[in-house]
Amino acid sequence: MRIAFFVPGHLATISGGYGYDREIIAGLRGLGHQVDVLELAGSHPLPDDAAHEAAAAAWEGMAADAIPVIDGLGLPAFAPLAEALVARGAVGLIHHPTALEAGRTEAARTALKAIEGRLFPLLRRVIVTSPTTGARVSAEFGADPAAVRVVVPGTAPALRCMGSGGPGCEILAVGGLIPRKGHDTLIRALAKLFDLDWHLTIAGGPLEGVHAHGLRALVEELNVARRVTFAGEVVEGALDALWARADIFALATQYEGYGMAIAEALKRGLPIAVTKGGAAADLLTGECGVICEVDDVVSLSKAMRRLMFDQDLRRASADEAFRVGGTLPDWPAQAAEFAAALA
């Protein structure tokens, strides 16, 4: 097959969604398929004029025999090309509907839901990264259930985490500094545990912006600045080092289409503390760690106290996480699944 893969911004952007795109593209190429990557300028997912122009130009320049695959973050920019999407049998790759992104204004979410509710039913295929997302794109956005295919992310081989080895507890959160990731909730929950020895590292960027500055102000306000490190965007080698010395993985996310960082934590055998945002808890058994409701600071704080204080619970959770992580599919298998979904 020849595939035209439309990506908003730069494919090299560090995030779970872009990481999925990179791995799938590499896997498709490894299977012998030709993949043309078309990066789209402009603002996404709420498209500006530059985004619409970039989408139109990229569409016009697409090879005549290519199957168009559009990352969902850039799909709203193709709204003026709705008829063309139908004619070419366009495929949408929906990590999660952008209308569900926390931190947007109600007006923005309403506008995005209208666009996605119009475009999803027109797509020949809607590829989603979890059954939870698949159910929502059909029930709430009008996608034809028969057109939906689930292709969960793969996970790369990884060494089991050995932990910090220290008297305290090293906690790792991996996720961009955006409202949806719930880092503020996690910080507030940990700040209540002033009597325990803990340190939190948040790996994710950017370190600039209103929300990022708000998080820095929050740690000062709660008097935990010395206990929290904002590591920014971390490249693979440095991130491996952070994984290796972590004792617990924590993410108080408001919504995940799948939760690639959670899968990574499972693969490495880390006890996990997460909230039930979207598909965030779908991979976990009840013995992998602790699962709390979204935005519930008090419950998360109590659950993390138990996980930090009870060494036997933490070891048992680590063993179960490692077992579950061993059942997760790898990227070559998921690239083959993706190729099959395009047929």
C-alpha atoms as a PDB file:
ATOM      1  CA  MET A   1       0.000   0.000   0.000  1.00  0.00           C
ATOM      2  CA  ARG A   2       0.910   3.633  -0.377  1.00  0.00           C
ATOM      3  CA  ILE A   3      -0.229   5.772   2.548  1.00  0.00           C
ATOM      4  CA  ALA A   4      -0.369   9.550   2.908  1.00  0.00           C
ATOM      5  CA  PHE A   5      -0.030  10.209   6.639  1.00  0.00           C
ATOM      6  CA  PHE A   6      -1.170  13.721   7.598  1.00  0.00           C
ATOM      7  CA  VAL A   7       0.366  15.003  10.844  1.00  0.00           C
ATOM      8  CA  PRO A   8      -0.354  18.402  12.472  1.00  0.00           C
ATOM      9  CA  GLY A   9       2.899  20.196  13.227  1.00  0.00           C
ATOM     10  CA  HIS A  10       6.092  18.150  13.371  1.00  0.00           C
ATOM     11  CA  LEU A  11       6.183  14.368  13.556  1.00  0.00           C
ATOM     12  CA  ALA A  12       9.161  14.623  15.930  1.00  0.00           C
ATOM     13  CA  THR A  13       7.036  16.357  18.605  1.00  0.00           C
ATOM     14  CA  ILE A  14       7.403  14.625  21.974  1.00  0.00           C
ATOM     15  CA  SER A  15       4.056  13.261  23.153  1.00  0.00           C
ATOM     16  CA  GLY A  16       2.294   9.935  23.338  1.00  0.00           C
ATOM     17  CA  GLY A  17       0.194  10.632  20.258  1.00  0.00           C
ATOM     18  CA  TYR A  18       3.127  11.630  18.075  1.00  0.00           C
ATOM     19  CA  GLY A  19       5.113   8.699  19.464  1.00  0.00           C
ATOM     20  CA  TYR A  20       2.315   6.387  18.313  1.00  0.00           C
ATOM     21  CA  ASP A  21       2.393   7.964  14.858  1.00  0.00           C
ATOM     22  CA  ARG A  22       6.172   7.544  14.581  1.00  0.00           C
ATOM     23  CA  GLU A  23       6.117   3.909  15.646  1.00  0.00           C
ATOM     24  CA  ILE A  24       3.237   3.002  13.336  1.00  0.00           C
ATOM     25  CA  ILE A  25       4.850   4.772  10.383  1.00  0.00           C
ATOM     26  CA  ALA A  26       8.149   2.998  11.014  1.00  0.00           C
ATOM     27  CA  GLY A  27       6.333  -0.320  11.373  1.00  0.00           C
ATOM     28  CA  LEU A  28       4.346   0.158   8.162  1.00  0.00           C
ATOM     29  CA  ARG A  29       7.537   0.942   6.292  1.00  0.00           C
ATOM     30  CA  GLY A  30       9.149  -2.123   7.814  1.00  0.00           C
ATOM     31  CA  LEU A  31       6.301  -4.198   6.384  1.00  0.00           C
ATOM     32  CA  GLY A  32       7.071  -2.856   2.917  1.00  0.00           C
ATOM     33  CA  HIS A  33       4.391  -0.176   2.647  1.00  0.00           C
ATOM     34  CA  GLN A  34       5.242   3.280   1.306  1.00  0.00           C
ATOM     35  CA  VAL A  35       4.342   6.036   3.761  1.00  0.00           C
ATOM     36  CA  ASP A  36       4.454   9.704   2.747  1.00  0.00           C
ATOM     37  CA  VAL A  37       4.450  11.939   5.832  1.00  0.00           C
ATOM     38  CA  LEU A  38       2.700  15.273   5.254  1.00  0.00           C
ATOM     39  CA  GLU A  39       3.278  17.745   8.095  1.00  0.00           C
ATOM     40  CA  LEU A  40       0.689  20.489   8.451  1.00  0.00           C
ATOM     41  CA  ALA A  41       1.509  24.063   9.430  1.00  0.00           C
ATOM     42  CA  GLY A  42      -0.875  26.276  11.362  1.00  0.00           C
ATOM     43  CA  SER A  43      -2.772  25.982  14.628  1.00  0.00           C
ATOM     44  CA  HIS A  44      -4.393  22.673  15.634  1.00  0.00           C
ATOM     45  CA  PRO A  45      -6.882  21.324  16.568  1.00  0.00           C
ATOM     46  CA  LEU A  46      -8.794  24.616  16.332  1.00  0.00           C
ATOM     47  CA  PRO A  47      -7.608  25.446  12.824  1.00  0.00           C
ATOM     48  CA  ASP A  48      -6.607  28.936  11.741  1.00  0.00           C
ATOM     49  CA  ASP A  49      -6.289  30.076   8.118  1.00  0.00           C
ATOM     50  CA  ALA A  50      -2.746  28.680   7.918  1.00  0.00           C
ATOM     51  CA  ALA A  51      -3.974  25.260   9.040  1.00  0.00           C
ATOM     52  CA  HIS A  52      -6.776  25.206   6.452  1.00  0.00           C
ATOM     53  CA  GLU A  53      -4.351  26.291   3.740  1.00  0.00           C
ATOM     54  CA  ALA A  54      -1.809  23.664   4.771  1.00  0.00           C
ATOM     55  CA  ALA A  55      -4.449  20.927   4.778  1.00  0.00           C
ATOM     56  CA  ALA A  56      -5.711  21.924   1.332  1.00  0.00           C
ATOM     57  CA  ALA A  57      -2.186  22.099  -0.115  1.00  0.00           C
ATOM     58  CA  ALA A  58      -1.149  18.760   1.381  1.00  0.00           C
ATOM     59  CA  TRP A  59      -4.336  17.117   0.148  1.00  0.00           C
ATOM     60  CA  GLU A  60      -3.764  18.488  -3.344  1.00  0.00           C
ATOM     61  CA  GLY A  61      -0.182  17.211  -3.308  1.00  0.00           C
ATOM     62  CA  MET A  62      -1.079  13.715  -2.104  1.00  0.00           C
ATOM     63  CA  ALA A  63      -0.185  10.860  -4.472  1.00  0.00           C
ATOM     64  CA  ALA A  64      -3.141   9.697  -6.524  1.00  0.00           C
ATOM     65  CA  ASP A  65      -2.861   6.104  -5.301  1.00  0.00           C
ATOM     66  CA  ALA A  66      -2.317   6.885  -1.611  1.00  0.00           C
ATOM     67  CA  ILE A  67      -4.697   6.048   1.209  1.00  0.00           C
ATOM     68  CA  PRO A  68      -5.146   9.237   3.268  1.00  0.00           C
ATOM     69  CA  VAL A  69      -4.655   8.756   7.013  1.00  0.00           C
ATOM     70  CA  ILE A  70      -5.253  11.886   9.092  1.00  0.00           C
ATOM     71  CA  ASP A  71      -4.147  12.201  12.700  1.00  0.00           C
ATOM     72  CA  GLY A  72      -7.195  13.338  14.657  1.00  0.00           C
ATOM     73  CA  LEU A  73      -5.429  16.377  16.080  1.00  0.00           C
ATOM     74  CA  GLY A  74      -5.244  17.766  12.545  1.00  0.00           C
ATOM     75  CA  LEU A  75      -8.582  16.464  11.273  1.00  0.00           C
ATOM     76  CA  PRO A  76     -10.603  19.657  11.984  1.00  0.00           C
ATOM     77  CA  ALA A  77      -8.421  21.513   9.468  1.00  0.00           C
ATOM     78  CA  PHE A  78      -9.929  19.275   6.762  1.00  0.00           C
ATOM     79  CA  ALA A  79     -13.520  20.328   7.461  1.00  0.00           C
ATOM     80  CA  PRO A  80     -13.751  22.360   4.220  1.00  0.00           C
ATOM     81  CA  LEU A  81     -12.675  19.212   2.322  1.00  0.00           C
ATOM     82  CA  ALA A  82     -15.476  17.013   3.662  1.00  0.00           C
ATOM     83  CA  GLU A  83     -16.636  15.844   0.223  1.00  0.00           C
ATOM     84  CA  ALA A  84     -13.080  15.047  -0.795  1.00  0.00           C
ATOM     85  CA  LEU A  85     -12.603  12.948   2.356  1.00  0.00           C
ATOM     86  CA  VAL A  86     -15.555  10.805   1.334  1.00  0.00           C
ATOM     87  CA  ALA A  87     -14.408  10.521  -2.280  1.00  0.00           C
ATOM     88  CA  ARG A  88     -10.925   9.329  -1.316  1.00  0.00           C
ATOM     89  CA  GLY A  89     -12.041   7.041   1.514  1.00  0.00           C
ATOM     90  CA  ALA A  90     -10.124   8.955   4.171  1.00  0.00           C
ATOM     91  CA  VAL A  91      -9.082   7.274   7.414  1.00  0.00           C
ATOM     92  CA  GLY A  92      -9.008   9.082  10.744  1.00  0.00           C
ATOM     93  CA  LEU A  93      -6.539   8.118  13.472  1.00  0.00           C
ATOM     94  CA  ILE A  94      -8.288   9.253  16.650  1.00  0.00           C
ATOM     95  CA  HIS A  95      -6.156   9.109  19.792  1.00  0.00           C
ATOM     96  CA  HIS A  96      -9.079  10.768  21.532  1.00  0.00           C
ATOM     97  CA  PRO A  97     -11.632  13.300  20.252  1.00  0.00           C
ATOM     98  CA  THR A  98     -10.147  16.764  20.646  1.00  0.00           C
ATOM     99  CA  ALA A  99     -13.493  18.016  21.972  1.00  0.00           C
ATOM    100  CA  LEU A 100     -12.809  15.984  25.124  1.00  0.00           C
ATOM    101  CA  GLU A 101      -9.540  17.774  25.873  1.00  0.00           C
ATOM    102  CA  ALA A 102      -9.679  19.360  29.316  1.00  0.00           C
ATOM    103  CA  GLY A 103      -8.422  22.907  29.644  1.00  0.00           C
ATOM    104  CA  ARG A 104     -10.202  24.246  26.564  1.00  0.00           C
ATOM    105  CA  THR A 105     -12.973  26.812  26.843  1.00  0.00           C
ATOM    106  CA  GLU A 106     -16.511  25.564  26.588  1.00  0.00           C
ATOM    107  CA  ALA A 107     -16.883  27.456  23.304  1.00  0.00           C
ATOM    108  CA  ALA A 108     -13.805  25.721  21.871  1.00  0.00           C
ATOM    109  CA  ARG A 109     -15.012  22.287  22.960  1.00  0.00           C
ATOM    110  CA  THR A 110     -18.457  22.947  21.483  1.00  0.00           C
ATOM    111  CA  ALA A 111     -16.917  24.033  18.179  1.00  0.00           C
ATOM    112  CA  LEU A 112     -14.633  20.994  18.056  1.00  0.00           C
ATOM    113  CA  LYS A 113     -17.468  18.598  18.869  1.00  0.00           C
ATOM    114  CA  ALA A 114     -19.513  20.052  16.026  1.00  0.00           C
ATOM    115  CA  ILE A 115     -16.620  19.594  13.581  1.00  0.00           C
ATOM    116  CA  GLU A 116     -15.752  16.091  14.762  1.00  0.00           C
ATOM    117  CA  GLY A 117     -19.419  15.091  14.887  1.00  0.00           C
ATOM    118  CA  ARG A 118     -19.684  16.097  11.235  1.00  0.00           C
ATOM    119  CA  LEU A 119     -16.426  14.521  10.033  1.00  0.00           C
ATOM    120  CA  PHE A 120     -16.240  11.207  11.915  1.00  0.00           C
ATOM    121  CA  PRO A 121     -19.323   9.715  10.186  1.00  0.00           C
ATOM    122  CA  LEU A 122     -17.813  10.581   6.781  1.00  0.00           C
ATOM    123  CA  LEU A 123     -14.608   8.609   7.285  1.00  0.00           C
ATOM    124  CA  ARG A 124     -14.248   5.218   5.635  1.00  0.00           C
ATOM    125  CA  ARG A 125     -12.365   3.983   8.679  1.00  0.00           C
ATOM    126  CA  VAL A 126     -11.900   5.378  12.182  1.00  0.00           C
ATOM    127  CA  ILE A 127      -8.847   3.883  13.887  1.00  0.00           C
ATOM    128  CA  VAL A 128      -8.812   4.424  17.648  1.00  0.00           C
ATOM    129  CA  THR A 129      -6.240   3.518  20.278  1.00  0.00           C
ATOM    130  CA  SER A 130      -8.538   1.935  22.867  1.00  0.00           C
ATOM    131  CA  PRO A 131     -11.968   0.290  23.110  1.00  0.00           C
ATOM    132  CA  THR A 132     -13.053   3.154  25.392  1.00  0.00           C
ATOM    133  CA  THR A 133     -12.318   5.715  22.679  1.00  0.00           C
ATOM    134  CA  GLY A 134     -13.990   3.493  20.091  1.00  0.00           C
ATOM    135  CA  ALA A 135     -17.201   3.433  22.096  1.00  0.00           C
ATOM    136  CA  ARG A 136     -17.188   7.205  22.548  1.00  0.00           C
ATOM    137  CA  VAL A 137     -16.557   8.128  18.906  1.00  0.00           C
ATOM    138  CA  SER A 138     -19.621   6.080  17.982  1.00  0.00           C
ATOM    139  CA  ALA A 139     -21.944   6.984  20.843  1.00  0.00           C
ATOM    140  CA  GLU A 140     -21.079  10.684  21.133  1.00  0.00           C
ATOM    141  CA  PHE A 141     -19.663  11.682  17.738  1.00  0.00           C
ATOM    142  CA  GLY A 142     -21.688   9.622  15.293  1.00  0.00           C
ATOM    143  CA  ALA A 143     -18.968   7.397  13.848  1.00  0.00           C
ATOM    144  CA  ASP A 144     -20.326   4.255  12.208  1.00  0.00           C
ATOM    145  CA  PRO A 145     -19.515   1.397  14.629  1.00  0.00           C
ATOM    146  CA  ALA A 146     -18.784  -0.817  11.616  1.00  0.00           C
ATOM    147  CA  ALA A 147     -16.074   1.624  10.515  1.00  0.00           C
ATOM    148  CA  VAL A 148     -14.276   1.673  13.876  1.00  0.00           C
ATOM    149  CA  ARG A 149     -11.123  -0.382  14.401  1.00  0.00           C
ATOM    150  CA  VAL A 150      -9.132  -0.531  17.638  1.00  0.00           C
ATOM    151  CA  VAL A 151      -5.347  -0.586  17.287  1.00  0.00           C
ATOM    152  CA  VAL A 152      -3.843  -0.095  20.724  1.00  0.00           C
ATOM    153  CA  PRO A 153      -0.280   1.206  21.030  1.00  0.00           C
ATOM    154  CA  GLY A 154       2.590  -1.214  21.242  1.00  0.00           C
ATOM    155  CA  THR A 155       5.211  -1.188  23.951  1.00  0.00           C
ATOM    156  CA  ALA A 156       8.931  -1.536  23.425  1.00  0.00           C
ATOM    157  CA  PRO A 157      11.016  -4.050  25.379  1.00  0.00           C
ATOM    158  CA  ALA A 158      12.250  -2.519  28.629  1.00  0.00           C
ATOM    159  CA  LEU A 159      14.219  -3.510  31.682  1.00  0.00           C
ATOM    160  CA  ARG A 160      12.360  -3.875  34.953  1.00  0.00           C
ATOM    161  CA  CYS A 161      12.757  -0.866  37.234  1.00  0.00           C
ATOM    162  CA  MET A 162      14.981  -1.469  40.248  1.00  0.00           C
ATOM    163  CA  GLY A 163      13.830   1.571  42.238  1.00  0.00           C
ATOM    164  CA  SER A 164      15.661   4.364  43.973  1.00  0.00           C
ATOM    165  CA  GLY A 165      17.079   2.203  46.749  1.00  0.00           C
ATOM    166  CA  GLY A 166      16.779   5.138  49.110  1.00  0.00           C
ATOM    167  CA  PRO A 167      14.897   5.641  52.319  1.00  0.00           C
ATOM    168  CA  GLY A 168      12.388   7.867  50.533  1.00  0.00           C
ATOM    169  CA  CYS A 169      10.021   7.209  47.654  1.00  0.00           C
ATOM    170  CA  GLU A 170      10.831   8.404  44.137  1.00  0.00           C
ATOM    171  CA  ILE A 171       7.642   9.096  42.176  1.00  0.00           C
ATOM    172  CA  LEU A 172       7.609   9.585  38.404  1.00  0.00           C
ATOM    173  CA  ALA A 173       4.870  11.216  36.311  1.00  0.00           C
ATOM    174  CA  VAL A 174       5.227  11.283  32.523  1.00  0.00           C
ATOM    175  CA  GLY A 175       2.991  13.681  30.615  1.00  0.00           C
ATOM    176  CA  GLY A 176       2.961  17.139  29.102  1.00  0.00           C
ATOM    177  CA  LEU A 177       2.350  20.186  31.280  1.00  0.00           C
ATOM    178  CA  ILE A 178      -1.240  20.580  30.148  1.00  0.00           C
ATOM    179  CA  PRO A 179      -4.428  20.655  32.278  1.00  0.00           C
ATOM    180  CA  ARG A 180      -5.617  17.229  31.087  1.00  0.00           C
ATOM    181  CA  LYS A 181      -2.686  15.430  32.695  1.00  0.00           C
ATOM    182  CA  GLY A 182      -3.802  16.485  36.187  1.00  0.00           C
ATOM    183  CA  HIS A 183      -0.345  17.275  37.552  1.00  0.00           C
ATOM    184  CA  ASP A 184      -1.927  19.893  39.810  1.00  0.00           C
ATOM    185  CA  THR A 185      -4.139  17.227  41.393  1.00  0.00           C
ATOM    186  CA  LEU A 186      -1.157  14.948  41.936  1.00  0.00           C
ATOM    187  CA  ILE A 187       0.889  17.741  43.520  1.00  0.00           C
ATOM    188  CA  ARG A 188      -1.967  18.679  45.852  1.00  0.00           C
ATOM    189  CA  ALA A 189      -2.410  15.022  46.861  1.00  0.00           C
ATOM    190  CA  LEU A 190       1.289  14.564  47.603  1.00  0.00           C
ATOM    191  CA  ALA A 191       1.520  17.862  49.490  1.00  0.00           C
ATOM    192  CA  LYS A 192      -0.794  16.370  52.116  1.00  0.00           C
ATOM    193  CA  LEU A 193       1.825  13.702  52.799  1.00  0.00           C
ATOM    194  CA  PHE A 194       4.217  16.122  54.481  1.00  0.00           C
ATOM    195  CA  ASP A 195       5.203  13.468  57.046  1.00  0.00           C
ATOM    196  CA  LEU A 196       6.472  11.019  54.391  1.00  0.00           C
ATOM    197  CA  ASP A 197       9.766  11.165  52.509  1.00  0.00           C
ATOM    198  CA  TRP A 198       8.912  11.514  48.828  1.00  0.00           C
ATOM    199  CA  HIS A 199      10.136  13.239  45.684  1.00  0.00           C
ATOM    200  CA  LEU A 200       8.171  13.755  42.455  1.00  0.00           C
ATOM    201  CA  THR A 201       9.691  14.137  38.996  1.00  0.00           C
ATOM    202  CA  ILE A 202       7.380  15.301  36.201  1.00  0.00           C
ATOM    203  CA  ALA A 203       8.787  14.468  32.765  1.00  0.00           C
ATOM    204  CA  GLY A 204       6.980  16.517  30.150  1.00  0.00           C
ATOM    205  CA  GLY A 205       7.028  19.893  28.496  1.00  0.00           C
ATOM    206  CA  PRO A 206       6.847  22.625  27.622  1.00  0.00           C
ATOM    207  CA  LEU A 207       8.170  24.411  30.677  1.00  0.00           C
ATOM    208  CA  GLU A 208       6.734  27.710  29.453  1.00  0.00           C
ATOM    209  CA  GLY A 209       3.106  28.752  29.222  1.00  0.00           C
ATOM    210  CA  VAL A 210       0.321  29.718  31.570  1.00  0.00           C
ATOM    211  CA  HIS A 211      -0.343  26.226  32.926  1.00  0.00           C
ATOM    212  CA  ALA A 212       3.348  25.431  33.416  1.00  0.00           C
ATOM    213  CA  HIS A 213       3.864  28.662  35.345  1.00  0.00           C
ATOM    214  CA  GLY A 214       0.751  27.859  37.367  1.00  0.00           C
ATOM    215  CA  LEU A 215       2.232  24.507  38.377  1.00  0.00           C
ATOM    216  CA  ARG A 216       5.458  26.187  39.487  1.00  0.00           C
ATOM    217  CA  ALA A 217       3.452  28.669  41.536  1.00  0.00           C
ATOM    218  CA  LEU A 218       1.466  25.802  43.050  1.00  0.00           C
ATOM    219  CA  VAL A 219       4.513  23.955  44.383  1.00  0.00           C
ATOM    220  CA  GLU A 220       5.714  27.195  45.990  1.00  0.00           C
ATOM    221  CA  GLU A 221       2.290  27.845  47.493  1.00  0.00           C
ATOM    222  CA  LEU A 222       2.132  24.330  48.950  1.00  0.00           C
ATOM    223  CA  ASN A 223       5.735  24.502  50.171  1.00  0.00           C
ATOM    224  CA  VAL A 224       6.840  21.433  48.198  1.00  0.00           C
ATOM    225  CA  ALA A 225       9.100  23.101  45.620  1.00  0.00           C
ATOM    226  CA  ARG A 226      12.139  21.182  46.906  1.00  0.00           C
ATOM    227  CA  ARG A 227      10.264  17.911  46.525  1.00  0.00           C
ATOM    228  CA  VAL A 228       9.126  18.429  42.914  1.00  0.00           C
ATOM    229  CA  THR A 229      11.341  18.464  39.821  1.00  0.00           C
ATOM    230  CA  PHE A 230      10.007  19.660  36.469  1.00  0.00           C
ATOM    231  CA  ALA A 231      12.298  17.768  34.100  1.00  0.00           C
ATOM    232  CA  GLY A 232      10.789  19.135  30.873  1.00  0.00           C
ATOM    233  CA  GLU A 233      10.837  17.135  27.645  1.00  0.00           C
ATOM    234  CA  VAL A 234      13.203  14.246  28.306  1.00  0.00           C
ATOM    235  CA  VAL A 235      14.957  12.341  25.507  1.00  0.00           C
ATOM    236  CA  GLU A 236      14.964   8.553  25.554  1.00  0.00           C
ATOM    237  CA  GLY A 237      18.248   7.872  27.350  1.00  0.00           C
ATOM    238  CA  ALA A 238      17.547  10.335  30.124  1.00  0.00           C
ATOM    239  CA  LEU A 239      13.968   9.088  30.420  1.00  0.00           C
ATOM    240  CA  ASP A 240      15.238   5.518  30.780  1.00  0.00           C
ATOM    241  CA  ALA A 241      17.316   6.696  33.730  1.00  0.00           C
ATOM    242  CA  LEU A 242      14.242   8.283  35.333  1.00  0.00           C
ATOM    243  CA  TRP A 243      12.252   5.081  34.851  1.00  0.00           C
ATOM    244  CA  ALA A 244      15.049   2.955  36.299  1.00  0.00           C
ATOM    245  CA  ARG A 245      15.201   4.779  39.651  1.00  0.00           C
ATOM    246  CA  ALA A 246      11.454   5.306  40.110  1.00  0.00           C
ATOM    247  CA  ASP A 247       9.570   3.563  42.931  1.00  0.00           C
ATOM    248  CA  ILE A 248       6.032   4.510  41.849  1.00  0.00           C
ATOM    249  CA  PHE A 249       4.460   5.811  38.646  1.00  0.00           C
ATOM    250  CA  ALA A 250       1.645   8.319  39.188  1.00  0.00           C
ATOM    251  CA  LEU A 251      -0.667  10.162  36.807  1.00  0.00           C
ATOM    252  CA  ALA A 252      -3.798  11.997  37.951  1.00  0.00           C
ATOM    253  CA  THR A 253      -5.039  12.366  34.388  1.00  0.00           C
ATOM    254  CA  GLN A 254      -8.459  13.731  33.521  1.00  0.00           C
ATOM    255  CA  TYR A 255      -8.623  11.816  30.248  1.00  0.00           C
ATOM    256  CA  GLU A 256      -6.492   9.346  28.281  1.00  0.00           C
ATOM    257  CA  GLY A 257      -7.350   7.797  24.943  1.00  0.00           C
ATOM    258  CA  TYR A 258      -5.112   4.875  25.955  1.00  0.00           C
ATOM    259  CA  GLY A 259      -2.321   5.835  28.346  1.00  0.00           C
ATOM    260  CA  MET A 260       1.016   5.015  26.730  1.00  0.00           C
ATOM    261  CA  ALA A 261       3.026   6.143  29.750  1.00  0.00           C
ATOM    262  CA  ILE A 262       0.904   3.858  31.936  1.00  0.00           C
ATOM    263  CA  ALA A 263       1.640   0.944  29.606  1.00  0.00           C
ATOM    264  CA  GLU A 264       5.329   1.806  29.805  1.00  0.00           C
ATOM    265  CA  ALA A 265       5.163   1.752  33.601  1.00  0.00           C
ATOM    266  CA  LEU A 266       3.522  -1.666  33.514  1.00  0.00           C
ATOM    267  CA  LYS A 267       6.169  -2.959  31.131  1.00  0.00           C
ATOM    268  CA  ARG A 268       8.849  -1.838  33.591  1.00  0.00           C
ATOM    269  CA  GLY A 269       7.118  -3.310  36.637  1.00  0.00           C
ATOM    270  CA  LEU A 270       6.288  -0.121  38.516  1.00  0.00           C
ATOM    271  CA  PRO A 271       3.469   0.146  41.076  1.00  0.00           C
ATOM    272  CA  ILE A 272       0.937   2.557  39.641  1.00  0.00           C
ATOM    273  CA  ALA A 273      -1.290   5.298  41.043  1.00  0.00           C
ATOM    274  CA  VAL A 274      -3.736   6.685  38.475  1.00  0.00           C
ATOM    275  CA  THR A 275      -7.156   8.232  38.111  1.00  0.00           C
ATOM    276  CA  LYS A 276      -9.988   6.828  35.995  1.00  0.00           C
ATOM    277  CA  GLY A 277      -9.795   9.430  33.230  1.00  0.00           C
ATOM    278  CA  GLY A 278     -10.989   7.896  29.962  1.00  0.00           C
ATOM    279  CA  ALA A 279      -9.050   4.696  29.272  1.00  0.00           C
ATOM    280  CA  ALA A 280      -6.334   5.434  31.852  1.00  0.00           C
ATOM    281  CA  ALA A 281      -7.235   2.533  34.131  1.00  0.00           C
ATOM    282  CA  ASP A 282      -8.274   0.060  31.433  1.00  0.00           C
ATOM    283  CA  LEU A 283      -4.930  -1.739  31.340  1.00  0.00           C
ATOM    284  CA  LEU A 284      -4.726  -2.258  35.091  1.00  0.00           C
ATOM    285  CA  THR A 285      -5.895  -5.023  37.339  1.00  0.00           C
ATOM    286  CA  GLY A 286      -6.839  -3.999  40.853  1.00  0.00           C
ATOM    287  CA  GLU A 287      -3.529  -5.389  42.118  1.00  0.00           C
ATOM    288  CA  CYS A 288      -1.254  -3.164  39.990  1.00  0.00           C
ATOM    289  CA  GLY A 289      -1.505  -0.263  42.414  1.00  0.00           C
ATOM    290  CA  VAL A 290      -4.227   2.239  43.249  1.00  0.00           C
ATOM    291  CA  ILE A 291      -6.982   3.745  41.092  1.00  0.00           C
ATOM    292  CA  CYS A 292      -8.921   6.861  42.119  1.00  0.00           C
ATOM    293  CA  GLU A 293     -11.622   9.107  40.734  1.00  0.00           C
ATOM    294  CA  VAL A 294     -10.628  12.090  38.591  1.00  0.00           C
ATOM    295  CA  ASP A 295      -9.829  15.282  40.555  1.00  0.00           C
ATOM    296  CA  ASP A 296     -10.268  13.516  43.909  1.00  0.00           C
ATOM    297  CA  VAL A 297      -7.292  14.934  45.795  1.00  0.00           C
ATOM    298  CA  VAL A 298      -8.206  13.416  49.161  1.00  0.00           C
ATOM    299  CA  SER A 299      -8.683   9.842  47.885  1.00  0.00           C
ATOM    300  CA  LEU A 300      -5.538  10.003  45.788  1.00  0.00           C
ATOM    301  CA  SER A 301      -3.553  11.271  48.753  1.00  0.00           C
ATOM    302  CA  LYS A 302      -4.809   8.475  51.011  1.00  0.00           C
ATOM    303  CA  ALA A 303      -4.190   5.844  48.339  1.00  0.00           C
ATOM    304  CA  MET A 304      -0.654   7.035  47.718  1.00  0.00           C
ATOM    305  CA  ARG A 305       0.067   7.099  51.448  1.00  0.00           C
ATOM    306  CA  ARG A 306      -0.911   3.438  51.583  1.00  0.00           C
ATOM    307  CA  LEU A 307       1.205   2.578  48.533  1.00  0.00           C
ATOM    308  CA  MET A 308       4.244   4.444  49.882  1.00  0.00           C
ATOM    309  CA  PHE A 309       3.961   3.262  53.484  1.00  0.00           C
ATOM    310  CA  ASP A 310       3.107  -0.417  52.897  1.00  0.00           C
ATOM    311  CA  GLN A 311       6.258  -1.981  51.450  1.00  0.00           C
ATOM    312  CA  ASP A 312       4.589  -5.392  51.008  1.00  0.00           C
ATOM    313  CA  LEU A 313       1.740  -3.799  49.015  1.00  0.00           C
ATOM    314  CA  ARG A 314       4.212  -1.928  46.850  1.00  0.00           C
ATOM    315  CA  ARG A 315       6.206  -5.093  46.088  1.00  0.00           C
ATOM    316  CA  ALA A 316       3.052  -7.049  45.277  1.00  0.00           C
ATOM    317  CA  SER A 317       1.827  -4.220  43.048  1.00  0.00           C
ATOM    318  CA  ALA A 318       5.174  -4.125  41.247  1.00  0.00           C
ATOM    319  CA  ASP A 319       5.032  -7.877  40.597  1.00  0.00           C
ATOM    320  CA  GLU A 320       1.500  -7.653  39.228  1.00  0.00           C
ATOM    321  CA  ALA A 321       2.354  -4.631  37.079  1.00  0.00           C
ATOM    322  CA  PHE A 322       5.307  -6.494  35.597  1.00  0.00           C
ATOM    323  CA  ARG A 323       3.097  -9.510  34.882  1.00  0.00           C
ATOM    324  CA  VAL A 324       0.478  -7.368  33.131  1.00  0.00           C
ATOM    325  CA  GLY A 325       3.184  -5.479  31.244  1.00  0.00           C
ATOM    326  CA  GLY A 326       4.440  -8.760  29.853  1.00  0.00           C
ATOM    327  CA  THR A 327       1.074  -9.355  28.151  1.00  0.00           C
ATOM    328  CA  LEU A 328       1.096  -6.062  26.210  1.00  0.00           C
ATOM    329  CA  PRO A 329       1.651  -6.208  22.427  1.00  0.00           C
ATOM    330  CA  ASP A 330       4.802  -4.914  20.751  1.00  0.00           C
ATOM    331  CA  TRP A 331       5.002  -2.276  18.013  1.00  0.00           C
ATOM    332  CA  PRO A 332       5.593  -4.631  15.038  1.00  0.00           C
ATOM    333  CA  ALA A 333       2.399  -6.497  15.896  1.00  0.00           C
ATOM    334  CA  GLN A 334       0.432  -3.252  16.153  1.00  0.00           C
ATOM    335  CA  ALA A 335       1.821  -1.937  12.866  1.00  0.00           C
ATOM    336  CA  ALA A 336       0.493  -5.107  11.242  1.00  0.00           C
ATOM    337  CA  GLU A 337      -2.878  -4.516  12.930  1.00  0.00           C
ATOM    338  CA  PHE A 338      -2.882  -0.954  11.628  1.00  0.00           C
ATOM    339  CA  ALA A 339      -2.142  -2.136   8.091  1.00  0.00           C
ATOM    340  CA  ALA A 340      -5.010  -4.627   8.319  1.00  0.00           C
ATOM    341  CA  ALA A 341      -7.340  -1.840   9.515  1.00  0.00           C
ATOM    342  CA  LEU A 342      -6.551   0.174   6.371  1.00  0.00           C
ATOM    343  CA  ALA A 343      -7.661  -2.613   4.046  1.00  0.00           C
END
